[in-house]
PDB file of N, CA and C in Angstrom:
ATOM      1  N   PRO A   1      -1.835 -41.330 -45.715  1.00  0.00           N
ATOM      2  CA  PRO A   1      -2.518 -42.550 -46.128  1.00  0.00           C
ATOM      3  C   PRO A   1      -2.242 -42.879 -47.598  1.00  0.00           C
ATOM      4  N   PRO A   2      -2.400 -44.119 -47.975  1.00  0.00           N
ATOM      5  CA  PRO A   2      -2.180 -44.475 -49.381  1.00  0.00           C
ATOM      6  C   PRO A   2      -3.252 -43.847 -50.266  1.00  0.00           C
ATOM      7  N   GLY A   3      -2.969 -43.799 -51.533  1.00  0.00           N
ATOM      8  CA  GLY A   3      -3.923 -43.235 -52.470  1.00  0.00           C
ATOM      9  C   GLY A   3      -3.495 -43.490 -53.895  1.00  0.00           C
ATOM     10  N   PRO A   4      -4.329 -43.120 -54.843  1.00  0.00           N
ATOM     11  CA  PRO A   4      -3.990 -43.341 -56.248  1.00  0.00           C
ATOM     12  C   PRO A   4      -2.837 -42.447 -56.684  1.00  0.00           C
ATOM     13  N   LYS A   5      -2.022 -42.980 -57.563  1.00  0.00           N
ATOM     14  CA  LYS A   5      -0.922 -42.178 -58.109  1.00  0.00           C
ATOM     15  C   LYS A   5      -1.487 -41.202 -59.124  1.00  0.00           C
ATOM     16  N   GLY A   6      -0.905 -40.030 -59.154  1.00  0.00           N
ATOM     17  CA  GLY A   6      -1.366 -39.009 -60.085  1.00  0.00           C
ATOM     18  C   GLY A   6      -0.236 -38.488 -60.944  1.00  0.00           C
ATOM     19  N   LEU A   7      -0.521 -37.466 -61.681  1.00  0.00           N
ATOM     20  CA  LEU A   7       0.466 -36.828 -62.542  1.00  0.00           C
ATOM     21  C   LEU A   7       1.381 -35.922 -61.723  1.00  0.00           C
ATOM     22  N   PRO A   8       2.612 -35.714 -62.175  1.00  0.00           N
ATOM     23  CA  PRO A   8       3.471 -34.748 -61.478  1.00  0.00           C
ATOM     24  C   PRO A   8       2.849 -33.357 -61.528  1.00  0.00           C
ATOM     25  N   PHE A   9       2.925 -32.646 -60.438  1.00  0.00           N
ATOM     26  CA  PHE A   9       2.418 -31.282 -60.256  1.00  0.00           C
ATOM     27  C   PHE A   9       0.889 -31.185 -60.247  1.00  0.00           C
ATOM     28  N   LEU A  10       0.188 -31.914 -61.084  1.00  0.00           N
ATOM     29  CA  LEU A  10      -1.271 -31.830 -61.137  1.00  0.00           C
ATOM     30  C   LEU A  10      -1.952 -32.837 -60.228  1.00  0.00           C
ATOM     31  N   GLY A  11      -1.279 -33.916 -59.897  1.00  0.00           N
ATOM     32  CA  GLY A  11      -1.829 -34.908 -58.988  1.00  0.00           C
ATOM     33  C   GLY A  11      -2.992 -35.670 -59.586  1.00  0.00           C
ATOM     34  N   ASN A  12      -4.057 -35.815 -58.827  1.00  0.00           N
ATOM     35  CA  ASN A  12      -5.214 -36.623 -59.204  1.00  0.00           C
ATOM     36  C   ASN A  12      -6.363 -35.807 -59.783  1.00  0.00           C
ATOM     37  N   ILE A  13      -6.126 -34.579 -60.156  1.00  0.00           N
ATOM     38  CA  ILE A  13      -7.203 -33.692 -60.577  1.00  0.00           C
ATOM     39  C   ILE A  13      -7.967 -34.231 -61.786  1.00  0.00           C
ATOM     40  N   PHE A  14      -7.291 -34.920 -62.702  1.00  0.00           N
ATOM     41  CA  PHE A  14      -7.956 -35.429 -63.904  1.00  0.00           C
ATOM     42  C   PHE A  14      -8.577 -36.804 -63.690  1.00  0.00           C
ATOM     43  N   GLN A  15      -8.413 -37.391 -62.509  1.00  0.00           N
ATOM     44  CA  GLN A  15      -9.006 -38.688 -62.203  1.00  0.00           C
ATOM     45  C   GLN A  15     -10.366 -38.555 -61.543  1.00  0.00           C
ATOM     46  N   LEU A  16     -10.788 -37.337 -61.252  1.00  0.00           N
ATOM     47  CA  LEU A  16     -12.067 -37.114 -60.578  1.00  0.00           C
ATOM     48  C   LEU A  16     -13.160 -36.802 -61.593  1.00  0.00           C
ATOM     49  N   PRO A  17     -14.190 -37.648 -61.683  1.00  0.00           N
ATOM     50  CA  PRO A  17     -15.304 -37.382 -62.590  1.00  0.00           C
ATOM     51  C   PRO A  17     -16.262 -36.354 -61.975  1.00  0.00           C
ATOM     52  N   PRO A  18     -17.302 -35.936 -62.689  1.00  0.00           N
ATOM     53  CA  PRO A  18     -18.263 -34.984 -62.124  1.00  0.00           C
ATOM     54  C   PRO A  18     -18.931 -35.488 -60.837  1.00  0.00           C
ATOM     55  N   PHE A  19     -19.163 -36.792 -60.722  1.00  0.00           N
ATOM     56  CA  PHE A  19     -19.748 -37.351 -59.502  1.00  0.00           C
ATOM     57  C   PHE A  19     -18.653 -38.106 -58.761  1.00  0.00           C
ATOM     58  N   GLN A  20     -17.919 -37.379 -57.903  1.00  0.00           N
ATOM     59  CA  GLN A  20     -16.746 -37.941 -57.241  1.00  0.00           C
ATOM     60  C   GLN A  20     -17.070 -39.115 -56.330  1.00  0.00           C
ATOM     61  N   PHE A  21     -18.260 -39.155 -55.745  1.00  0.00           N
ATOM     62  CA  PHE A  21     -18.561 -40.192 -54.769  1.00  0.00           C
ATOM     63  C   PHE A  21     -18.469 -41.591 -55.374  1.00  0.00           C
ATOM     64  N   ILE A  22     -18.742 -41.724 -56.662  1.00  0.00           N
ATOM     65  CA  ILE A  22     -18.638 -43.041 -57.305  1.00  0.00           C
ATOM     66  C   ILE A  22     -17.175 -43.473 -57.341  1.00  0.00           C
ATOM     67  N   ARG A  23     -16.289 -42.578 -57.720  1.00  0.00           N
ATOM     68  CA  ARG A  23     -14.858 -42.890 -57.752  1.00  0.00           C
ATOM     69  C   ARG A  23     -14.328 -43.119 -56.339  1.00  0.00           C
ATOM     70  N   PHE A  24     -14.826 -42.364 -55.363  1.00  0.00           N
ATOM     71  CA  PHE A  24     -14.394 -42.555 -53.985  1.00  0.00           C
ATOM     72  C   PHE A  24     -14.771 -43.947 -53.477  1.00  0.00           C
ATOM     73  N   MET A  25     -15.917 -44.458 -53.875  1.00  0.00           N
ATOM     74  CA  MET A  25     -16.316 -45.819 -53.486  1.00  0.00           C
ATOM     75  C   MET A  25     -15.386 -46.858 -54.114  1.00  0.00           C
ATOM     76  N   GLU A  26     -14.974 -46.642 -55.354  1.00  0.00           N
ATOM     77  CA  GLU A  26     -14.020 -47.549 -55.992  1.00  0.00           C
ATOM     78  C   GLU A  26     -12.679 -47.512 -55.267  1.00  0.00           C
ATOM     79  N   TRP A  27     -12.208 -46.320 -54.932  1.00  0.00           N
ATOM     80  CA  TRP A  27     -10.924 -46.194 -54.243  1.00  0.00           C
ATOM     81  C   TRP A  27     -11.003 -46.724 -52.826  1.00  0.00           C
ATOM     82  N   LYS A  28     -12.177 -46.683 -52.202  1.00  0.00           N
ATOM     83  CA  LYS A  28     -12.343 -47.254 -50.866  1.00  0.00           C
ATOM     84  C   LYS A  28     -12.061 -48.748 -50.905  1.00  0.00           C
ATOM     85  N   GLU A  29     -12.556 -49.437 -51.942  1.00  0.00           N
ATOM     86  CA  GLU A  29     -12.297 -50.865 -52.081  1.00  0.00           C
ATOM     87  C   GLU A  29     -10.818 -51.138 -52.322  1.00  0.00           C
ATOM     88  N   GLN A  30     -10.143 -50.234 -53.017  1.00  0.00           N
ATOM     89  CA  GLN A  30      -8.742 -50.449 -53.380  1.00  0.00           C
ATOM     90  C   GLN A  30      -7.779 -50.015 -52.274  1.00  0.00           C
ATOM     91  N   PHE A  31      -8.020 -48.847 -51.645  1.00  0.00           N
ATOM     92  CA  PHE A  31      -7.062 -48.274 -50.702  1.00  0.00           C
ATOM     93  C   PHE A  31      -7.525 -48.298 -49.247  1.00  0.00           C
ATOM     94  N   GLY A  32      -8.782 -48.622 -48.989  1.00  0.00           N
ATOM     95  CA  GLY A  32      -9.296 -48.622 -47.627  1.00  0.00           C
ATOM     96  C   GLY A  32     -10.171 -47.405 -47.367  1.00  0.00           C
ATOM     97  N   PRO A  33     -10.727 -47.296 -46.147  1.00  0.00           N
ATOM     98  CA  PRO A  33     -11.685 -46.226 -45.848  1.00  0.00           C
ATOM     99  C   PRO A  33     -11.065 -44.829 -45.734  1.00  0.00           C
ATOM    100  N   ILE A  34      -9.748 -44.734 -45.567  1.00  0.00           N
ATOM    101  CA  ILE A  34      -9.077 -43.438 -45.527  1.00  0.00           C
ATOM    102  C   ILE A  34      -7.988 -43.460 -46.596  1.00  0.00           C
ATOM    103  N   PHE A  35      -8.046 -42.520 -47.517  1.00  0.00           N
ATOM    104  CA  PHE A  35      -7.007 -42.431 -48.533  1.00  0.00           C
ATOM    105  C   PHE A  35      -6.725 -40.975 -48.832  1.00  0.00           C
ATOM    106  N   SER A  36      -5.609 -40.724 -49.491  1.00  0.00           N
ATOM    107  CA  SER A  36      -5.216 -39.345 -49.772  1.00  0.00           C
ATOM    108  C   SER A  36      -5.159 -39.102 -51.267  1.00  0.00           C
ATOM    109  N   LEU A  37      -5.402 -37.860 -51.622  1.00  0.00           N
ATOM    110  CA  LEU A  37      -5.326 -37.398 -52.999  1.00  0.00           C
ATOM    111  C   LEU A  37      -4.404 -36.182 -53.049  1.00  0.00           C
ATOM    112  N   ASN A  38      -3.885 -35.907 -54.215  1.00  0.00           N
ATOM    113  CA  ASN A  38      -3.095 -34.709 -54.436  1.00  0.00           C
ATOM    114  C   ASN A  38      -3.817 -33.918 -55.516  1.00  0.00           C
ATOM    115  N   LEU A  39      -4.347 -32.782 -55.156  1.00  0.00           N
ATOM    116  CA  LEU A  39      -5.073 -31.945 -56.113  1.00  0.00           C
ATOM    117  C   LEU A  39      -4.264 -30.673 -56.353  1.00  0.00           C
ATOM    118  N   VAL A  40      -3.470 -30.679 -57.394  1.00  0.00           N
ATOM    119  CA  VAL A  40      -2.620 -29.568 -57.800  1.00  0.00           C
ATOM    120  C   VAL A  40      -1.734 -29.112 -56.639  1.00  0.00           C
ATOM    121  N   GLY A  41      -1.062 -30.055 -56.017  1.00  0.00           N
ATOM    122  CA  GLY A  41      -0.143 -29.752 -54.929  1.00  0.00           C
ATOM    123  C   GLY A  41      -0.779 -29.663 -53.558  1.00  0.00           C
ATOM    124  N   GLN A  42      -2.077 -29.695 -53.459  1.00  0.00           N
ATOM    125  CA  GLN A  42      -2.784 -29.611 -52.175  1.00  0.00           C
ATOM    126  C   GLN A  42      -3.189 -31.014 -51.735  1.00  0.00           C
ATOM    127  N   PRO A  43      -2.628 -31.515 -50.635  1.00  0.00           N
ATOM    128  CA  PRO A  43      -3.032 -32.850 -50.180  1.00  0.00           C
ATOM    129  C   PRO A  43      -4.457 -32.832 -49.621  1.00  0.00           C
ATOM    130  N   VAL A  44      -5.235 -33.848 -49.968  1.00  0.00           N
ATOM    131  CA  VAL A  44      -6.616 -33.978 -49.514  1.00  0.00           C
ATOM    132  C   VAL A  44      -6.778 -35.377 -48.938  1.00  0.00           C
ATOM    133  N   ILE A  45      -7.293 -35.468 -47.715  1.00  0.00           N
ATOM    134  CA  ILE A  45      -7.560 -36.747 -47.076  1.00  0.00           C
ATOM    135  C   ILE A  45      -9.051 -37.020 -47.195  1.00  0.00           C
ATOM    136  N   VAL A  46      -9.410 -38.193 -47.712  1.00  0.00           N
ATOM    137  CA  VAL A  46     -10.812 -38.582 -47.872  1.00  0.00           C
ATOM    138  C   VAL A  46     -11.123 -39.638 -46.821  1.00  0.00           C
ATOM    139  N   ILE A  47     -12.135 -39.379 -46.002  1.00  0.00           N
ATOM    140  CA  ILE A  47     -12.610 -40.341 -45.000  1.00  0.00           C
ATOM    141  C   ILE A  47     -13.909 -40.906 -45.540  1.00  0.00           C
ATOM    142  N   ASN A  48     -13.902 -42.192 -45.851  1.00  0.00           N
ATOM    143  CA  ASN A  48     -15.013 -42.815 -46.553  1.00  0.00           C
ATOM    144  C   ASN A  48     -15.705 -43.857 -45.670  1.00  0.00           C
ATOM    145  N   ASN A  49     -15.880 -43.516 -44.381  1.00  0.00           N
ATOM    146  CA  ASN A  49     -16.524 -44.420 -43.442  1.00  0.00           C
ATOM    147  C   ASN A  49     -17.162 -43.573 -42.344  1.00  0.00           C
ATOM    148  N   LEU A  50     -18.441 -43.778 -42.072  1.00  0.00           N
ATOM    149  CA  LEU A  50     -19.163 -42.946 -41.106  1.00  0.00           C
ATOM    150  C   LEU A  50     -18.591 -43.063 -39.695  1.00  0.00           C
ATOM    151  N   GLU A  51     -18.270 -44.272 -39.276  1.00  0.00           N
ATOM    152  CA  GLU A  51     -17.759 -44.469 -37.911  1.00  0.00           C
ATOM    153  C   GLU A  51     -16.410 -43.779 -37.726  1.00  0.00           C
ATOM    154  N   ILE A  52     -15.534 -43.911 -38.714  1.00  0.00           N
ATOM    155  CA  ILE A  52     -14.220 -43.266 -38.621  1.00  0.00           C
ATOM    156  C   ILE A  52     -14.368 -41.752 -38.665  1.00  0.00           C
ATOM    157  N   ALA A  53     -15.233 -41.242 -39.536  1.00  0.00           N
ATOM    158  CA  ALA A  53     -15.453 -39.799 -39.622  1.00  0.00           C
ATOM    159  C   ALA A  53     -16.005 -39.253 -38.309  1.00  0.00           C
ATOM    160  N   THR A  54     -16.950 -39.964 -37.702  1.00  0.00           N
ATOM    161  CA  THR A  54     -17.503 -39.536 -36.420  1.00  0.00           C
ATOM    162  C   THR A  54     -16.427 -39.511 -35.347  1.00  0.00           C
ATOM    163  N   GLU A  55     -15.620 -40.547 -35.303  1.00  0.00           N
ATOM    164  CA  GLU A  55     -14.550 -40.622 -34.296  1.00  0.00           C
ATOM    165  C   GLU A  55     -13.555 -39.474 -34.468  1.00  0.00           C
ATOM    166  N   LEU A  56     -13.096 -39.244 -35.680  1.00  0.00           N
ATOM    167  CA  LEU A  56     -12.063 -38.238 -35.905  1.00  0.00           C
ATOM    168  C   LEU A  56     -12.586 -36.808 -35.854  1.00  0.00           C
ATOM    169  N   LEU A  57     -13.751 -36.546 -36.442  1.00  0.00           N
ATOM    170  CA  LEU A  57     -14.207 -35.172 -36.598  1.00  0.00           C
ATOM    171  C   LEU A  57     -15.143 -34.690 -35.500  1.00  0.00           C
ATOM    172  N   GLU A  58     -15.719 -35.595 -34.714  1.00  0.00           N
ATOM    173  CA  GLU A  58     -16.566 -35.169 -33.598  1.00  0.00           C
ATOM    174  C   GLU A  58     -15.889 -35.424 -32.257  1.00  0.00           C
ATOM    175  N   ARG A  59     -15.474 -36.647 -32.025  1.00  0.00           N
ATOM    176  CA  ARG A  59     -14.904 -36.981 -30.717  1.00  0.00           C
ATOM    177  C   ARG A  59     -13.499 -36.430 -30.515  1.00  0.00           C
ATOM    178  N   ARG A  60     -12.729 -36.325 -31.593  1.00  0.00           N
ATOM    179  CA  ARG A  60     -11.359 -35.810 -31.494  1.00  0.00           C
ATOM    180  C   ARG A  60     -11.227 -34.467 -32.212  1.00  0.00           C
ATOM    181  N   SER A  61     -12.279 -33.693 -32.241  1.00  0.00           N
ATOM    182  CA  SER A  61     -12.287 -32.457 -33.030  1.00  0.00           C
ATOM    183  C   SER A  61     -11.271 -31.436 -32.542  1.00  0.00           C
ATOM    184  N   SER A  62     -10.942 -31.428 -31.263  1.00  0.00           N
ATOM    185  CA  SER A  62      -9.991 -30.434 -30.764  1.00  0.00           C
ATOM    186  C   SER A  62      -8.597 -30.636 -31.354  1.00  0.00           C
ATOM    187  N   ILE A  63      -8.275 -31.839 -31.789  1.00  0.00           N
ATOM    188  CA  ILE A  63      -6.976 -32.099 -32.407  1.00  0.00           C
ATOM    189  C   ILE A  63      -6.926 -31.508 -33.810  1.00  0.00           C
ATOM    190  N   TYR A  64      -8.031 -31.608 -34.546  1.00  0.00           N
ATOM    191  CA  TYR A  64      -8.043 -31.262 -35.963  1.00  0.00           C
ATOM    192  C   TYR A  64      -8.665 -29.908 -36.265  1.00  0.00           C
ATOM    193  N   ALA A  65      -9.233 -29.227 -35.272  1.00  0.00           N
ATOM    194  CA  ALA A  65      -9.919 -27.955 -35.516  1.00  0.00           C
ATOM    195  C   ALA A  65      -8.904 -26.819 -35.545  1.00  0.00           C
ATOM    196  N   ASP A  66      -8.270 -26.633 -36.669  1.00  0.00           N
ATOM    197  CA  ASP A  66      -7.302 -25.569 -36.796  1.00  0.00           C
ATOM    198  C   ASP A  66      -7.230 -25.122 -38.249  1.00  0.00           C
ATOM    199  N   ARG A  67      -6.541 -24.042 -38.475  1.00  0.00           N
ATOM    200  CA  ARG A  67      -6.388 -23.491 -39.805  1.00  0.00           C
ATOM    201  C   ARG A  67      -4.910 -23.564 -40.192  1.00  0.00           C
ATOM    202  N   PRO A  68      -4.622 -23.466 -41.478  1.00  0.00           N
ATOM    203  CA  PRO A  68      -3.212 -23.402 -41.865  1.00  0.00           C
ATOM    204  C   PRO A  68      -2.570 -22.120 -41.339  1.00  0.00           C
ATOM    205  N   ARG A  69      -1.293 -22.186 -41.054  1.00  0.00           N
ATOM    206  CA  ARG A  69      -0.582 -21.029 -40.529  1.00  0.00           C
ATOM    207  C   ARG A  69      -0.296 -20.060 -41.678  1.00  0.00           C
ATOM    208  N   ILE A  70      -0.822 -18.845 -41.567  1.00  0.00           N
ATOM    209  CA  ILE A  70      -0.611 -17.804 -42.577  1.00  0.00           C
ATOM    210  C   ILE A  70       0.234 -16.720 -41.910  1.00  0.00           C
ATOM    211  N   ILE A  71       1.520 -16.812 -42.097  1.00  0.00           N
ATOM    212  CA  ILE A  71       2.459 -15.974 -41.345  1.00  0.00           C
ATOM    213  C   ILE A  71       2.309 -14.501 -41.682  1.00  0.00           C
ATOM    214  N   VAL A  72       2.302 -14.143 -42.950  1.00  0.00           N
ATOM    215  CA  VAL A  72       2.277 -12.722 -43.324  1.00  0.00           C
ATOM    216  C   VAL A  72       0.970 -12.070 -42.884  1.00  0.00           C
ATOM    217  N   ALA A  73      -0.163 -12.649 -43.249  1.00  0.00           N
ATOM    218  CA  ALA A  73      -1.453 -12.023 -42.952  1.00  0.00           C
ATOM    219  C   ALA A  73      -1.764 -12.022 -41.463  1.00  0.00           C
ATOM    220  N   ASN A  74      -1.505 -13.093 -40.776  1.00  0.00           N
ATOM    221  CA  ASN A  74      -1.913 -13.188 -39.378  1.00  0.00           C
ATOM    222  C   ASN A  74      -0.869 -12.633 -38.421  1.00  0.00           C
ATOM    223  N   GLU A  75       0.363 -13.054 -38.565  1.00  0.00           N
ATOM    224  CA  GLU A  75       1.353 -12.708 -37.556  1.00  0.00           C
ATOM    225  C   GLU A  75       2.037 -11.366 -37.799  1.00  0.00           C
ATOM    226  N   ILE A  76       2.326 -11.045 -39.048  1.00  0.00           N
ATOM    227  CA  ILE A  76       3.056  -9.807 -39.329  1.00  0.00           C
ATOM    228  C   ILE A  76       2.110  -8.617 -39.482  1.00  0.00           C
ATOM    229  N   MET A  77       1.085  -8.762 -40.335  1.00  0.00           N
ATOM    230  CA  MET A  77       0.220  -7.618 -40.641  1.00  0.00           C
ATOM    231  C   MET A  77      -0.780  -7.301 -39.536  1.00  0.00           C
ATOM    232  N   SER A  78      -1.319  -8.318 -38.857  1.00  0.00           N
ATOM    233  CA  SER A  78      -2.354  -8.039 -37.868  1.00  0.00           C
ATOM    234  C   SER A  78      -1.908  -8.315 -36.438  1.00  0.00           C
ATOM    235  N   GLY A  79      -0.682  -8.705 -36.241  1.00  0.00           N
ATOM    236  CA  GLY A  79      -0.210  -8.985 -34.885  1.00  0.00           C
ATOM    237  C   GLY A  79      -0.870 -10.201 -34.271  1.00  0.00           C
ATOM    238  N   GLY A  80      -1.403 -11.087 -35.088  1.00  0.00           N
ATOM    239  CA  GLY A  80      -2.033 -12.312 -34.591  1.00  0.00           C
ATOM    240  C   GLY A  80      -3.438 -12.114 -34.062  1.00  0.00           C
ATOM    241  N   LEU A  81      -4.108 -11.018 -34.428  1.00  0.00           N
ATOM    242  CA  LEU A  81      -5.434 -10.733 -33.884  1.00  0.00           C
ATOM    243  C   LEU A  81      -6.535 -10.687 -34.935  1.00  0.00           C
ATOM    244  N   MET A  82      -6.335 -11.282 -36.095  1.00  0.00           N
ATOM    245  CA  MET A  82      -7.361 -11.301 -37.128  1.00  0.00           C
ATOM    246  C   MET A  82      -8.179 -12.592 -36.960  1.00  0.00           C
ATOM    247  N   LEU A  83      -9.393 -12.476 -36.472  1.00  0.00           N
ATOM    248  CA  LEU A  83     -10.203 -13.628 -36.076  1.00  0.00           C
ATOM    249  C   LEU A  83     -10.332 -14.726 -37.134  1.00  0.00           C
ATOM    250  N   PRO A  84     -10.595 -14.421 -38.399  1.00  0.00           N
ATOM    251  CA  PRO A  84     -10.786 -15.515 -39.359  1.00  0.00           C
ATOM    252  C   PRO A  84      -9.560 -16.402 -39.561  1.00  0.00           C
ATOM    253  N   ILE A  85      -8.369 -15.921 -39.238  1.00  0.00           N
ATOM    254  CA  ILE A  85      -7.181 -16.739 -39.473  1.00  0.00           C
ATOM    255  C   ILE A  85      -6.362 -17.006 -38.219  1.00  0.00           C
ATOM    256  N   VAL A  86      -6.896 -16.689 -37.050  1.00  0.00           N
ATOM    257  CA  VAL A  86      -6.207 -17.020 -35.798  1.00  0.00           C
ATOM    258  C   VAL A  86      -6.283 -18.529 -35.583  1.00  0.00           C
ATOM    259  N   PRO A  87      -5.176 -19.168 -35.205  1.00  0.00           N
ATOM    260  CA  PRO A  87      -5.231 -20.606 -34.919  1.00  0.00           C
ATOM    261  C   PRO A  87      -6.185 -20.906 -33.763  1.00  0.00           C
ATOM    262  N   TYR A  88      -6.796 -22.076 -33.815  1.00  0.00           N
ATOM    263  CA  TYR A  88      -7.740 -22.480 -32.773  1.00  0.00           C
ATOM    264  C   TYR A  88      -7.010 -22.605 -31.441  1.00  0.00           C
ATOM    265  N   GLY A  89      -7.578 -22.024 -30.415  1.00  0.00           N
ATOM    266  CA  GLY A  89      -6.987 -22.072 -29.081  1.00  0.00           C
ATOM    267  C   GLY A  89      -7.653 -21.042 -28.181  1.00  0.00           C
ATOM    268  N   ASN A  90      -6.971 -20.699 -27.085  1.00  0.00           N
ATOM    269  CA  ASN A  90      -7.541 -19.762 -26.114  1.00  0.00           C
ATOM    270  C   ASN A  90      -7.737 -18.370 -26.701  1.00  0.00           C
ATOM    271  N   LEU A  91      -6.781 -17.887 -27.496  1.00  0.00           N
ATOM    272  CA  LEU A  91      -6.924 -16.566 -28.110  1.00  0.00           C
ATOM    273  C   LEU A  91      -8.114 -16.542 -29.057  1.00  0.00           C
ATOM    274  N   TRP A  92      -8.282 -17.588 -29.854  1.00  0.00           N
ATOM    275  CA  TRP A  92      -9.421 -17.652 -30.768  1.00  0.00           C
ATOM    276  C   TRP A  92     -10.728 -17.627 -29.985  1.00  0.00           C
ATOM    277  N   LYS A  93     -10.794 -18.355 -28.876  1.00  0.00           N
ATOM    278  CA  LYS A  93     -12.015 -18.385 -28.060  1.00  0.00           C
ATOM    279  C   LYS A  93     -12.329 -17.000 -27.495  1.00  0.00           C
ATOM    280  N   LYS A  94     -11.298 -16.287 -27.022  1.00  0.00           N
ATOM    281  CA  LYS A  94     -11.512 -14.947 -26.474  1.00  0.00           C
ATOM    282  C   LYS A  94     -11.967 -13.965 -27.547  1.00  0.00           C
ATOM    283  N   LEU A  95     -11.316 -14.024 -28.716  1.00  0.00           N
ATOM    284  CA  LEU A  95     -11.708 -13.127 -29.806  1.00  0.00           C
ATOM    285  C   LEU A  95     -13.116 -13.435 -30.299  1.00  0.00           C
ATOM    286  N   ARG A  96     -13.463 -14.698 -30.376  1.00  0.00           N
ATOM    287  CA  ARG A  96     -14.807 -15.076 -30.825  1.00  0.00           C
ATOM    288  C   ARG A  96     -15.857 -14.603 -29.829  1.00  0.00           C
ATOM    289  N   LYS A  97     -15.569 -14.772 -28.538  1.00  0.00           N
ATOM    290  CA  LYS A  97     -16.511 -14.335 -27.511  1.00  0.00           C
ATOM    291  C   LYS A  97     -16.694 -12.814 -27.562  1.00  0.00           C
ATOM    292  N   ALA A  98     -15.587 -12.074 -27.722  1.00  0.00           N
ATOM    293  CA  ALA A  98     -15.677 -10.618 -27.781  1.00  0.00           C
ATOM    294  C   ALA A  98     -16.441 -10.171 -29.021  1.00  0.00           C
ATOM    295  N   SER A  99     -16.197 -10.799 -30.156  1.00  0.00           N
ATOM    296  CA  SER A  99     -16.915 -10.395 -31.373  1.00  0.00           C
ATOM    297  C   SER A  99     -18.388 -10.770 -31.282  1.00  0.00           C
ATOM    298  N   HIS A 100     -18.696 -11.889 -30.653  1.00  0.00           N
ATOM    299  CA  HIS A 100     -20.093 -12.291 -30.500  1.00  0.00           C
ATOM    300  C   HIS A 100     -20.853 -11.291 -29.609  1.00  0.00           C
ATOM    301  N   GLU A 101     -20.213 -10.890 -28.508  1.00  0.00           N
ATOM    302  CA  GLU A 101     -20.843  -9.931 -27.613  1.00  0.00           C
ATOM    303  C   GLU A 101     -20.988  -8.568 -28.290  1.00  0.00           C
ATOM    304  N   GLY A 102     -19.977  -8.181 -29.064  1.00  0.00           N
ATOM    305  CA  GLY A 102     -20.021  -6.887 -29.741  1.00  0.00           C
ATOM    306  C   GLY A 102     -21.051  -6.815 -30.843  1.00  0.00           C
ATOM    307  N   LEU A 103     -21.286  -7.940 -31.513  1.00  0.00           N
ATOM    308  CA  LEU A 103     -22.241  -7.958 -32.620  1.00  0.00           C
ATOM    309  C   LEU A 103     -23.650  -8.327 -32.205  1.00  0.00           C
ATOM    310  N   SER A 104     -23.835  -8.752 -30.976  1.00  0.00           N
ATOM    311  CA  SER A 104     -25.183  -9.157 -30.508  1.00  0.00           C
ATOM    312  C   SER A 104     -25.996  -7.946 -30.102  1.00  0.00           C
TER     313      SER A 104
END
């Protein structure tokens, strides 16, 4: 999505005041209800509309409910069985169910 231009490498980190919601409202008028920021190389998507947030994060949550792929920690060191970093899917559901039963 479109967003404010920032500095090279640092992105928009210096454009955010202590109360970000005020700046987000200004950017909503300029860029629309969904815009992107770059915070020190990390892309951040801001959803600034309740209806859009509900649609994307509740109704379509299975599309977006995942974690970044951490190859060394998850796939090499733990064989893909470390619950906090397993990608969302059937394996995650099985591991979560087993840990819930074991800890209950």
